[in-house]
C-alpha atoms as a PDB file:
ATOM      1  CA  PHE A   1       0.032   0.024   0.007  1.00  0.00           C
ATOM      2  CA  GLU A   2       2.911   2.408   0.851  1.00  0.00           C
ATOM      3  CA  ASN A   3       4.351   1.918  -2.561  1.00  0.00           C
ATOM      4  CA  LEU A   4       1.276   3.070  -4.432  1.00  0.00           C
ATOM      5  CA  THR A   5       1.299   6.470  -5.992  1.00  0.00           C
ATOM      6  CA  PRO A   6      -1.148   8.982  -4.331  1.00  0.00           C
ATOM      7  CA  LEU A   7      -2.945  11.487  -6.560  1.00  0.00           C
ATOM      8  CA  TYR A   8      -5.508  14.281  -5.897  1.00  0.00           C
ATOM      9  CA  PRO A   9      -9.142  12.943  -6.179  1.00  0.00           C
ATOM     10  CA  GLN A  10     -10.263  13.229  -9.751  1.00  0.00           C
ATOM     11  CA  GLU A  11     -13.516  11.359  -9.881  1.00  0.00           C
ATOM     12  CA  LYS A  12     -16.478  12.930  -7.955  1.00  0.00           C
ATOM     13  CA  PHE A  13     -18.995  10.964  -5.806  1.00  0.00           C
ATOM     14  CA  VAL A  14     -22.336  12.249  -6.844  1.00  0.00           C
ATOM     15  CA  LEU A  15     -24.299  12.182  -3.484  1.00  0.00           C
ATOM     16  CA  GLU A  16     -27.530  13.781  -4.902  1.00  0.00           C
ATOM     17  CA  ASN A  17     -30.301  11.262  -5.669  1.00  0.00           C
ATOM     18  CA  SER A  18     -33.934  10.985  -6.147  1.00  0.00           C
ATOM     19  CA  SER A  19     -34.716  11.664  -2.463  1.00  0.00           C
ATOM     20  CA  ASN A  20     -33.872  15.389  -3.074  1.00  0.00           C
ATOM     21  CA  ASP A  21     -32.076  15.765   0.103  1.00  0.00           C
ATOM     22  CA  ILE A  22     -30.696  19.280   0.791  1.00  0.00           C
ATOM     23  CA  CYS A  23     -27.797  18.058   2.740  1.00  0.00           C
ATOM     24  CA  THR A  24     -26.196  15.803   0.159  1.00  0.00           C
ATOM     25  CA  ARG A  25     -26.984  18.368  -2.650  1.00  0.00           C
ATOM     26  CA  LEU A  26     -25.200  21.126  -0.607  1.00  0.00           C
ATOM     27  CA  ILE A  27     -22.146  18.914   0.005  1.00  0.00           C
ATOM     28  CA  ASP A  28     -22.038  18.106  -3.966  1.00  0.00           C
ATOM     29  CA  LEU A  29     -21.777  21.959  -4.480  1.00  0.00           C
ATOM     30  CA  ILE A  30     -19.923  23.369  -1.518  1.00  0.00           C
ATOM     31  CA  CYS A  31     -17.382  20.668  -0.781  1.00  0.00           C
ATOM     32  CA  PRO A  32     -17.525  18.016  -3.271  1.00  0.00           C
ATOM     33  CA  ILE A  33     -16.089  14.678  -2.242  1.00  0.00           C
ATOM     34  CA  GLY A  34     -13.967  12.708  -4.719  1.00  0.00           C
ATOM     35  CA  LYS A  35     -12.725   9.026  -4.688  1.00  0.00           C
ATOM     36  CA  GLY A  36      -9.598   9.231  -2.387  1.00  0.00           C
ATOM     37  CA  GLN A  37     -10.640  12.331  -0.474  1.00  0.00           C
ATOM     38  CA  ARG A  38      -9.211  12.808   2.887  1.00  0.00           C
ATOM     39  CA  GLY A  39     -11.975  15.121   4.439  1.00  0.00           C
ATOM     40  CA  LEU A  40     -12.557  16.532   7.926  1.00  0.00           C
ATOM     41  CA  ILE A  41     -15.981  17.393   9.342  1.00  0.00           C
ATOM     42  CA  VAL A  42     -15.352  19.988  11.935  1.00  0.00           C
ATOM     43  CA  ALA A  43     -18.337  19.963  14.426  1.00  0.00           C
ATOM     44  CA  PRO A  44     -19.229  21.415  17.858  1.00  0.00           C
ATOM     45  CA  PRO A  45     -21.527  19.035  19.947  1.00  0.00           C
ATOM     46  CA  LYS A  46     -25.177  18.772  18.892  1.00  0.00           C
ATOM     47  CA  THR A  47     -24.768  20.235  15.374  1.00  0.00           C
ATOM     48  CA  GLY A  48     -25.943  17.174  13.544  1.00  0.00           C
ATOM     49  CA  LYS A  49     -22.700  15.548  12.444  1.00  0.00           C
ATOM     50  CA  THR A  50     -23.927  12.046  13.038  1.00  0.00           C
ATOM     51  CA  ILE A  51     -27.045  12.529  10.908  1.00  0.00           C
ATOM     52  CA  LEU A  52     -24.886  14.187   8.205  1.00  0.00           C
ATOM     53  CA  LEU A  53     -22.623  10.991   8.162  1.00  0.00           C
ATOM     54  CA  GLN A  54     -25.795   8.802   7.980  1.00  0.00           C
ATOM     55  CA  LYS A  55     -26.927  10.756   4.933  1.00  0.00           C
ATOM     56  CA  VAL A  56     -23.477  10.524   3.246  1.00  0.00           C
ATOM     57  CA  ALA A  57     -23.325   6.916   3.864  1.00  0.00           C
ATOM     58  CA  ASN A  58     -26.794   6.250   2.587  1.00  0.00           C
ATOM     59  CA  ALA A  59     -26.097   8.328  -0.682  1.00  0.00           C
ATOM     60  CA  ILE A  60     -22.945   6.491  -1.388  1.00  0.00           C
ATOM     61  CA  THR A  61     -24.657   3.063  -0.793  1.00  0.00           C
ATOM     62  CA  LYS A  62     -27.556   3.965  -3.067  1.00  0.00           C
ATOM     63  CA  ASN A  63     -25.597   5.679  -5.861  1.00  0.00           C
ATOM     64  CA  TYR A  64     -22.436   3.487  -5.699  1.00  0.00           C
ATOM     65  CA  PRO A  65     -23.410  -0.160  -4.629  1.00  0.00           C
ATOM     66  CA  GLU A  66     -20.159  -1.376  -5.658  1.00  0.00           C
ATOM     67  CA  ILE A  67     -18.180   0.817  -3.163  1.00  0.00           C
ATOM     68  CA  GLU A  68     -16.916  -0.938   0.123  1.00  0.00           C
ATOM     69  CA  LEU A  69     -18.336   1.320   2.783  1.00  0.00           C
ATOM     70  CA  ILE A  70     -17.346   1.222   6.459  1.00  0.00           C
ATOM     71  CA  VAL A  71     -18.698   3.268   9.245  1.00  0.00           C
ATOM     72  CA  LEU A  72     -16.235   3.340  12.168  1.00  0.00           C
ATOM     73  CA  LEU A  73     -17.651   4.467  15.431  1.00  0.00           C
ATOM     74  CA  ILE A  74     -15.022   5.135  18.386  1.00  0.00           C
ATOM     75  CA  ASP A  75     -15.964   5.567  22.007  1.00  0.00           C
ATOM     76  CA  GLU A  76     -19.594   5.890  20.980  1.00  0.00           C
ATOM     77  CA  ARG A  77     -22.880   5.640  22.938  1.00  0.00           C
ATOM     78  CA  PRO A  78     -24.491   2.222  22.612  1.00  0.00           C
ATOM     79  CA  GLU A  79     -27.717   3.625  21.347  1.00  0.00           C
ATOM     80  CA  GLU A  80     -25.869   5.589  18.645  1.00  0.00           C
ATOM     81  CA  VAL A  81     -24.300   2.454  17.271  1.00  0.00           C
ATOM     82  CA  THR A  82     -27.757   0.865  17.058  1.00  0.00           C
ATOM     83  CA  ASP A  83     -29.202   3.842  15.354  1.00  0.00           C
ATOM     84  CA  MET A  84     -26.264   3.772  12.861  1.00  0.00           C
ATOM     85  CA  GLN A  85     -26.724  -0.025  12.295  1.00  0.00           C
ATOM     86  CA  ARG A  86     -30.381   0.499  11.432  1.00  0.00           C
ATOM     87  CA  SER A  87     -29.998   3.731   9.316  1.00  0.00           C
ATOM     88  CA  VAL A  88     -26.934   2.650   7.157  1.00  0.00           C
ATOM     89  CA  LYS A  89     -26.867  -0.368   4.643  1.00  0.00           C
ATOM     90  CA  GLY A  90     -22.898  -0.597   4.801  1.00  0.00           C
ATOM     91  CA  GLU A  91     -20.780  -2.189   7.398  1.00  0.00           C
ATOM     92  CA  VAL A  92     -20.581  -0.669  10.783  1.00  0.00           C
ATOM     93  CA  ALA A  93     -17.469  -1.262  13.002  1.00  0.00           C
ATOM     94  CA  PHE A  94     -17.724   0.147  16.439  1.00  0.00           C
ATOM     95  CA  SER A  95     -16.332   0.314  20.139  1.00  0.00           C
ATOM     96  CA  THR A  96     -18.587   1.964  22.720  1.00  0.00           C
ATOM     97  CA  PHE A  97     -17.376   4.141  25.460  1.00  0.00           C
ATOM     98  CA  ASP A  98     -17.925   1.454  28.137  1.00  0.00           C
ATOM     99  CA  GLU A  99     -15.283  -0.897  26.335  1.00  0.00           C
ATOM    100  CA  PRO A 100     -11.594  -1.022  27.324  1.00  0.00           C
ATOM    101  CA  THR A 101      -9.518   1.649  25.442  1.00  0.00           C
ATOM    102  CA  LYS A 102      -7.509  -1.180  23.794  1.00  0.00           C
ATOM    103  CA  ASN A 103     -10.714  -2.467  22.054  1.00  0.00           C
ATOM    104  CA  GLN A 104     -11.226   1.031  20.586  1.00  0.00           C
ATOM    105  CA  ILE A 105      -7.710   1.045  19.099  1.00  0.00           C
ATOM    106  CA  LYS A 106      -7.993  -2.570  17.956  1.00  0.00           C
ATOM    107  CA  VAL A 107     -11.179  -2.056  15.959  1.00  0.00           C
ATOM    108  CA  ALA A 108      -9.670   1.071  14.338  1.00  0.00           C
ATOM    109  CA  GLU A 109      -6.571  -0.767  13.222  1.00  0.00           C
ATOM    110  CA  LEU A 110      -8.461  -3.831  12.012  1.00  0.00           C
ATOM    111  CA  VAL A 111     -10.609  -1.546   9.851  1.00  0.00           C
ATOM    112  CA  ILE A 112      -7.670   0.543   8.302  1.00  0.00           C
ATOM    113  CA  GLU A 113      -5.628  -2.660   7.573  1.00  0.00           C
ATOM    114  CA  ARG A 114      -8.599  -4.236   5.881  1.00  0.00           C
ATOM    115  CA  ALA A 115      -9.203  -1.107   3.753  1.00  0.00           C
ATOM    116  CA  LYS A 116      -5.629  -1.075   2.808  1.00  0.00           C
ATOM    117  CA  ARG A 117      -5.776  -4.565   1.501  1.00  0.00           C
ATOM    118  CA  LEU A 118      -8.881  -3.852  -0.476  1.00  0.00           C
ATOM    119  CA  VAL A 119      -7.355  -0.839  -2.093  1.00  0.00           C
ATOM    120  CA  GLU A 120      -4.220  -2.990  -2.960  1.00  0.00           C
ATOM    121  CA  GLN A 121      -6.692  -5.227  -4.989  1.00  0.00           C
ATOM    122  CA  GLY A 122      -7.802  -2.028  -6.869  1.00  0.00           C
ATOM    123  CA  LYS A 123     -11.160  -1.485  -5.004  1.00  0.00           C
ATOM    124  CA  ASP A 124     -12.586   1.824  -4.062  1.00  0.00           C
ATOM    125  CA  VAL A 125     -13.197   1.980  -0.056  1.00  0.00           C
ATOM    126  CA  VAL A 126     -14.996   4.796   1.982  1.00  0.00           C
ATOM    127  CA  ILE A 127     -14.533   5.090   5.749  1.00  0.00           C
ATOM    128  CA  LEU A 128     -16.616   7.178   7.711  1.00  0.00           C
ATOM    129  CA  LEU A 129     -14.913   7.844  11.241  1.00  0.00           C
ATOM    130  CA  ASP A 130     -16.718   9.337  14.148  1.00  0.00           C
ATOM    131  CA  SER A 131     -14.420  10.625  15.438  1.00  0.00           C
ATOM    132  CA  VAL A 132     -10.714  11.272  14.992  1.00  0.00           C
ATOM    133  CA  THR A 133     -10.662  13.165  18.276  1.00  0.00           C
ATOM    134  CA  ARG A 134     -11.925  10.233  20.229  1.00  0.00           C
ATOM    135  CA  LEU A 135      -9.474   8.089  18.344  1.00  0.00           C
ATOM    136  CA  ALA A 136      -6.536  10.307  19.368  1.00  0.00           C
ATOM    137  CA  ARG A 137      -7.754  10.356  23.023  1.00  0.00           C
ATOM    138  CA  ALA A 138      -7.734   6.464  23.064  1.00  0.00           C
ATOM    139  CA  TYR A 139      -4.194   6.456  21.728  1.00  0.00           C
ATOM    140  CA  ASN A 140      -3.211   8.998  24.324  1.00  0.00           C
ATOM    141  CA  LEU A 141      -4.411   6.815  27.099  1.00  0.00           C
ATOM    142  CA  LEU A 142      -2.994   3.573  25.859  1.00  0.00           C
ATOM    143  CA  MET A 143       0.541   4.664  24.193  1.00  0.00           C
ATOM    144  CA  PRO A 144       3.653   4.543  26.511  1.00  0.00           C
ATOM    145  CA  THR A 145       4.546   8.181  27.465  1.00  0.00           C
ATOM    146  CA  SER A 146       7.481   9.880  25.552  1.00  0.00           C
ATOM    147  CA  GLY A 147       8.112  12.305  28.485  1.00  0.00           C
ATOM    148  CA  LYS A 148       7.095  15.214  26.170  1.00  0.00           C
ATOM    149  CA  VAL A 149       3.634  16.528  27.049  1.00  0.00           C
ATOM    150  CA  LEU A 150       1.643  19.117  24.711  1.00  0.00           C
ATOM    151  CA  SER A 151      -0.805  21.601  26.293  1.00  0.00           C
ATOM    152  CA  GLY A 152      -3.991  19.805  27.014  1.00  0.00           C
ATOM    153  CA  GLY A 153      -2.306  16.814  28.543  1.00  0.00           C
ATOM    154  CA  ILE A 154      -1.556  15.001  25.213  1.00  0.00           C
ATOM    155  CA  ASP A 155       1.737  13.109  24.641  1.00  0.00           C
ATOM    156  CA  ALA A 156       3.839  14.370  21.807  1.00  0.00           C
ATOM    157  CA  ASN A 157       3.943  11.061  20.102  1.00  0.00           C
ATOM    158  CA  THR A 158       0.294  10.124  20.495  1.00  0.00           C
ATOM    159  CA  LEU A 159      -0.790  11.901  17.285  1.00  0.00           C
ATOM    160  CA  ASN A 160       1.472   9.873  15.084  1.00  0.00           C
ATOM    161  CA  HIS A 161      -0.962   6.932  15.140  1.00  0.00           C
ATOM    162  CA  PRO A 162      -4.274   8.677  14.225  1.00  0.00           C
ATOM    163  CA  LYS A 163      -2.498  10.816  11.671  1.00  0.00           C
ATOM    164  CA  ARG A 164      -1.189   7.616  10.019  1.00  0.00           C
ATOM    165  CA  PHE A 165      -4.900   6.394   9.930  1.00  0.00           C
ATOM    166  CA  PHE A 166      -6.287   9.708   8.461  1.00  0.00           C
ATOM    167  CA  GLY A 167      -3.233   9.896   6.185  1.00  0.00           C
ATOM    168  CA  ALA A 168      -4.036   6.481   4.503  1.00  0.00           C
ATOM    169  CA  ALA A 169      -6.799   8.164   2.457  1.00  0.00           C
ATOM    170  CA  ARG A 170      -5.534   8.680  -1.185  1.00  0.00           C
ATOM    171  CA  ASN A 171      -6.493   8.188  -4.712  1.00  0.00           C
ATOM    172  CA  VAL A 172      -4.112   5.769  -6.207  1.00  0.00           C
ATOM    173  CA  GLU A 173      -2.702   6.028  -9.669  1.00  0.00           C
ATOM    174  CA  GLU A 174      -2.468   2.194 -10.058  1.00  0.00           C
ATOM    175  CA  GLY A 175      -6.192   1.810  -9.544  1.00  0.00           C
ATOM    176  CA  GLY A 176      -8.428   1.838  -6.426  1.00  0.00           C
ATOM    177  CA  SER A 177      -8.867   4.477  -3.781  1.00  0.00           C
ATOM    178  CA  LEU A 178      -9.397   4.938  -0.049  1.00  0.00           C
ATOM    179  CA  THR A 179     -11.575   7.850   0.886  1.00  0.00           C
ATOM    180  CA  ILE A 180     -11.870   8.817   4.856  1.00  0.00           C
ATOM    181  CA  LEU A 181     -14.323  11.389   6.185  1.00  0.00           C
ATOM    182  CA  ALA A 182     -13.541  11.917   9.793  1.00  0.00           C
ATOM    183  CA  THR A 183     -15.442  14.246  12.308  1.00  0.00           C
ATOM    184  CA  ALA A 184     -13.271  16.446  14.534  1.00  0.00           C
ATOM    185  CA  LEU A 185     -14.932  17.794  17.731  1.00  0.00           C
ATOM    186  CA  VAL A 186     -14.408  21.397  18.610  1.00  0.00           C
ATOM    187  CA  GLU A 187     -15.847  23.660  21.133  1.00  0.00           C
ATOM    188  CA  THR A 188     -16.247  20.896  23.759  1.00  0.00           C
ATOM    189  CA  GLY A 189     -14.528  22.907  26.592  1.00  0.00           C
ATOM    190  CA  SER A 190     -11.604  20.505  26.425  1.00  0.00           C
ATOM    191  CA  LYS A 191      -8.159  21.750  25.638  1.00  0.00           C
ATOM    192  CA  MET A 192      -7.161  18.348  24.686  1.00  0.00           C
ATOM    193  CA  ASP A 193      -9.758  18.257  21.913  1.00  0.00           C
ATOM    194  CA  GLU A 194      -8.674  21.763  20.656  1.00  0.00           C
ATOM    195  CA  VAL A 195      -4.941  20.599  20.470  1.00  0.00           C
ATOM    196  CA  ILE A 196      -6.119  17.420  18.526  1.00  0.00           C
ATOM    197  CA  PHE A 197      -8.058  19.550  15.949  1.00  0.00           C
ATOM    198  CA  GLU A 198      -5.170  22.101  15.530  1.00  0.00           C
ATOM    199  CA  GLU A 199      -2.844  19.130  14.707  1.00  0.00           C
ATOM    200  CA  PHE A 200      -5.169  17.679  12.090  1.00  0.00           C
ATOM    201  CA  LYS A 201      -6.089  20.977  10.594  1.00  0.00           C
ATOM    202  CA  GLY A 202      -4.702  21.261   7.115  1.00  0.00           C
ATOM    203  CA  THR A 203      -3.768  17.537   6.917  1.00  0.00           C
ATOM    204  CA  GLY A 204      -7.121  16.994   4.818  1.00  0.00           C
ATOM    205  CA  ASN A 205      -7.926  18.015   1.457  1.00  0.00           C
ATOM    206  CA  MET A 206     -11.585  18.690   2.186  1.00  0.00           C
ATOM    207  CA  GLU A 207     -13.043  20.620   5.186  1.00  0.00           C
ATOM    208  CA  LEU A 208     -16.738  20.804   6.081  1.00  0.00           C
ATOM    209  CA  ARG A 209     -17.485  22.985   9.067  1.00  0.00           C
ATOM    210  CA  LEU A 210     -20.745  22.909  11.052  1.00  0.00           C
ATOM    211  CA  THR A 211     -21.871  25.803  13.265  1.00  0.00           C
ATOM    212  CA  ARG A 212     -23.437  25.838  16.639  1.00  0.00           C
ATOM    213  CA  GLU A 213     -25.340  29.025  15.877  1.00  0.00           C
ATOM    214  CA  LEU A 214     -27.313  27.557  12.835  1.00  0.00           C
ATOM    215  CA  ALA A 215     -27.912  24.222  14.771  1.00  0.00           C
ATOM    216  CA  GLU A 216     -29.348  26.212  17.784  1.00  0.00           C
ATOM    217  CA  ARG A 217     -31.790  27.874  15.374  1.00  0.00           C
ATOM    218  CA  ARG A 218     -32.698  24.303  13.932  1.00  0.00           C
ATOM    219  CA  ILE A 219     -31.278  25.037  10.659  1.00  0.00           C
ATOM    220  CA  PHE A 220     -30.016  21.750   8.987  1.00  0.00           C
ATOM    221  CA  PRO A 221     -27.526  21.263   7.524  1.00  0.00           C
ATOM    222  CA  ALA A 222     -25.681  23.718   9.830  1.00  0.00           C
ATOM    223  CA  ILE A 223     -22.942  24.325   7.336  1.00  0.00           C
ATOM    224  CA  ASP A 224     -20.650  27.355   7.379  1.00  0.00           C
ATOM    225  CA  ILE A 225     -20.448  27.910   3.637  1.00  0.00           C
ATOM    226  CA  ASN A 226     -17.487  30.512   3.734  1.00  0.00           C
ATOM    227  CA  ARG A 227     -15.295  28.185   5.870  1.00  0.00           C
ATOM    228  CA  SER A 228     -16.098  24.955   4.048  1.00  0.00           C
ATOM    229  CA  GLY A 229     -14.509  23.806   0.717  1.00  0.00           C
ATOM    230  CA  THR A 230     -12.371  21.200  -1.094  1.00  0.00           C
ATOM    231  CA  ARG A 231      -8.803  21.670  -2.373  1.00  0.00           C
ATOM    232  CA  LYS A 232      -8.401  21.298  -6.181  1.00  0.00           C
ATOM    233  CA  GLU A 233     -12.239  21.298  -6.482  1.00  0.00           C
ATOM    234  CA  GLU A 234     -11.711  22.225 -10.236  1.00  0.00           C
ATOM    235  CA  LEU A 235     -10.656  18.429 -10.666  1.00  0.00           C
ATOM    236  CA  LEU A 236     -14.098  17.260  -9.495  1.00  0.00           C
ATOM    237  CA  LEU A 237     -16.376  19.928 -10.864  1.00  0.00           C
ATOM    238  CA  SER A 238     -17.138  20.942 -14.468  1.00  0.00           C
ATOM    239  CA  GLU A 239     -16.093  24.368 -15.666  1.00  0.00           C
ATOM    240  CA  LYS A 240     -19.604  25.631 -15.829  1.00  0.00           C
ATOM    241  CA  GLU A 241     -20.375  24.341 -12.302  1.00  0.00           C
ATOM    242  CA  LEU A 242     -17.151  25.993 -10.968  1.00  0.00           C
ATOM    243  CA  LYS A 243     -17.924  29.310 -12.335  1.00  0.00           C
ATOM    244  CA  VAL A 244     -21.490  29.516 -10.912  1.00  0.00           C
ATOM    245  CA  ILE A 245     -20.268  28.209  -7.480  1.00  0.00           C
ATOM    246  CA  TRP A 246     -17.404  30.725  -7.354  1.00  0.00           C
ATOM    247  CA  ALA A 247     -19.854  33.463  -8.325  1.00  0.00           C
ATOM    248  CA  LEU A 248     -22.333  32.230  -5.574  1.00  0.00           C
ATOM    249  CA  ARG A 249     -19.668  32.240  -2.980  1.00  0.00           C
ATOM    250  CA  ASP A 250     -18.473  35.715  -4.167  1.00  0.00           C
ATOM    251  CA  TYR A 251     -22.133  36.991  -4.020  1.00  0.00           C
ATOM    252  CA  LEU A 252     -22.636  35.516  -0.500  1.00  0.00           C
ATOM    253  CA  ASN A 253     -19.657  37.363   0.697  1.00  0.00           C
ATOM    254  CA  ARG A 254     -20.440  40.607  -0.853  1.00  0.00           C
ATOM    255  CA  GLN A 255     -23.910  40.506   0.525  1.00  0.00           C
ATOM    256  CA  ASN A 256     -22.600  40.415   4.065  1.00  0.00           C
ATOM    257  CA  LEU A 257     -25.219  37.858   4.968  1.00  0.00           C
ATOM    258  CA  LYS A 258     -25.266  36.913   8.518  1.00  0.00           C
ATOM    259  CA  GLU A 259     -26.195  33.332   7.664  1.00  0.00           C
ATOM    260  CA  PRO A 260     -25.663  32.731   3.897  1.00  0.00           C
ATOM    261  CA  ILE A 261     -26.653  29.099   4.258  1.00  0.00           C
ATOM    262  CA  GLU A 262     -30.355  30.221   4.782  1.00  0.00           C
ATOM    263  CA  ALA A 263     -30.480  31.822   1.459  1.00  0.00           C
ATOM    264  CA  VAL A 264     -29.047  28.952  -0.387  1.00  0.00           C
ATOM    265  CA  ILE A 265     -31.388  26.447   1.269  1.00  0.00           C
ATOM    266  CA  GLU A 266     -34.466  28.557   0.432  1.00  0.00           C
ATOM    267  CA  VAL A 267     -33.562  28.546  -3.185  1.00  0.00           C
ATOM    268  CA  MET A 268     -32.618  24.859  -3.056  1.00  0.00           C
ATOM    269  CA  LYS A 269     -36.067  24.066  -1.778  1.00  0.00           C
ATOM    270  CA  LYS A 270     -37.564  25.552  -4.765  1.00  0.00           C
ATOM    271  CA  THR A 271     -35.574  23.392  -7.253  1.00  0.00           C
ATOM    272  CA  LYS A 272     -35.745  19.630  -7.920  1.00  0.00           C
ATOM    273  CA  ASP A 273     -31.916  19.234  -8.533  1.00  0.00           C
ATOM    274  CA  ASN A 274     -28.634  20.814  -8.507  1.00  0.00           C
ATOM    275  CA  GLN A 275     -28.660  21.594 -12.233  1.00  0.00           C
ATOM    276  CA  GLN A 276     -31.801  23.466 -11.842  1.00  0.00           C
ATOM    277  CA  PHE A 277     -30.389  25.245  -8.876  1.00  0.00           C
ATOM    278  CA  LEU A 278     -27.134  26.305 -10.741  1.00  0.00           C
ATOM    279  CA  GLY A 279     -29.380  27.438 -13.596  1.00  0.00           C
ATOM    280  CA  ILE A 280     -31.186  29.768 -11.310  1.00  0.00           C
ATOM    281  CA  VAL A 281     -28.130  30.942  -9.451  1.00  0.00           C
ATOM    282  CA  SER A 282     -26.301  31.769 -12.798  1.00  0.00           C
ATOM    283  CA  HIS A 283     -29.383  33.742 -13.814  1.00  0.00           C
ATOM    284  CA  LEU A 284     -30.125  35.694 -10.567  1.00  0.00           C
ATOM    285  CA  LYS A 285     -26.593  36.649  -9.959  1.00  0.00           C
ATOM    286  CA  LYS A 286     -26.813  39.015 -12.941  1.00  0.00           C
ATOM    287  CA  ASN A 287     -29.641  40.684 -11.140  1.00  0.00           C
ATOM    288  CA  SER A 288     -27.782  40.802  -7.793  1.00  0.00           C
ATOM    289  CA  SER A 289     -30.615  39.077  -5.810  1.00  0.00           C
ATOM    290  CA  ILE A 290     -30.696  35.491  -4.964  1.00  0.00           C
ATOM    291  CA  LEU A 291     -34.200  35.393  -3.339  1.00  0.00           C
END
């Protein structure tokens, strides 16, 4: 696996389907996911990250039944595990918070090694990890100390292991891909969680940010459009899509809207698919009014 040549994702996962789900349609436009993407979903508590993962998982299994999908839950509540198993058609690997720490690390390492072997066979694999923060915490508890402690009480060598897990995501030139979408917890009140997020920030090539302010107002998906995006998105989107989306981002920034996502969701609800939405946006931007 280590000898395979990593490339930027070049083939997009189209998450939009007949269910006309606003969440997956937004992800397709704002931060498209390609085969081999290494994505970070940055989420404060109670912002809908678990529901978002379920929707992404169901969209992938529906549109791409040939994809090997694994949902990995670390240090999770037992009822959340049951809900995920019943909501998602793919494989769910898990370790609940009442299990020993070594079980949490064991299940994560089994999943990543299995995924690597499948990629070596030329298959496309998707891992949805919830969460990389809890995985790093588990390694911090179990790994022998190096004597160097970062702020928040995390050992300097602890993060090498979860980084190796997250860094395994890649699009492979020789065929096959490993896509990892991992959630990272922020605004939890824990200094350790902030340190873990800071270490992982910039390691992915896609970032989706959820905001507490939108979630508290019961707006879903609570996506911060201005701070979410995909690196090299021009490889995943057509030239026409790219121009309209860039124009939309520019418009939302210039309008100084407090919550630009609300304006986008309102227009999306009036359209049956993203092609129709992009057509409306490209027409409206000339008149400087989105609603």
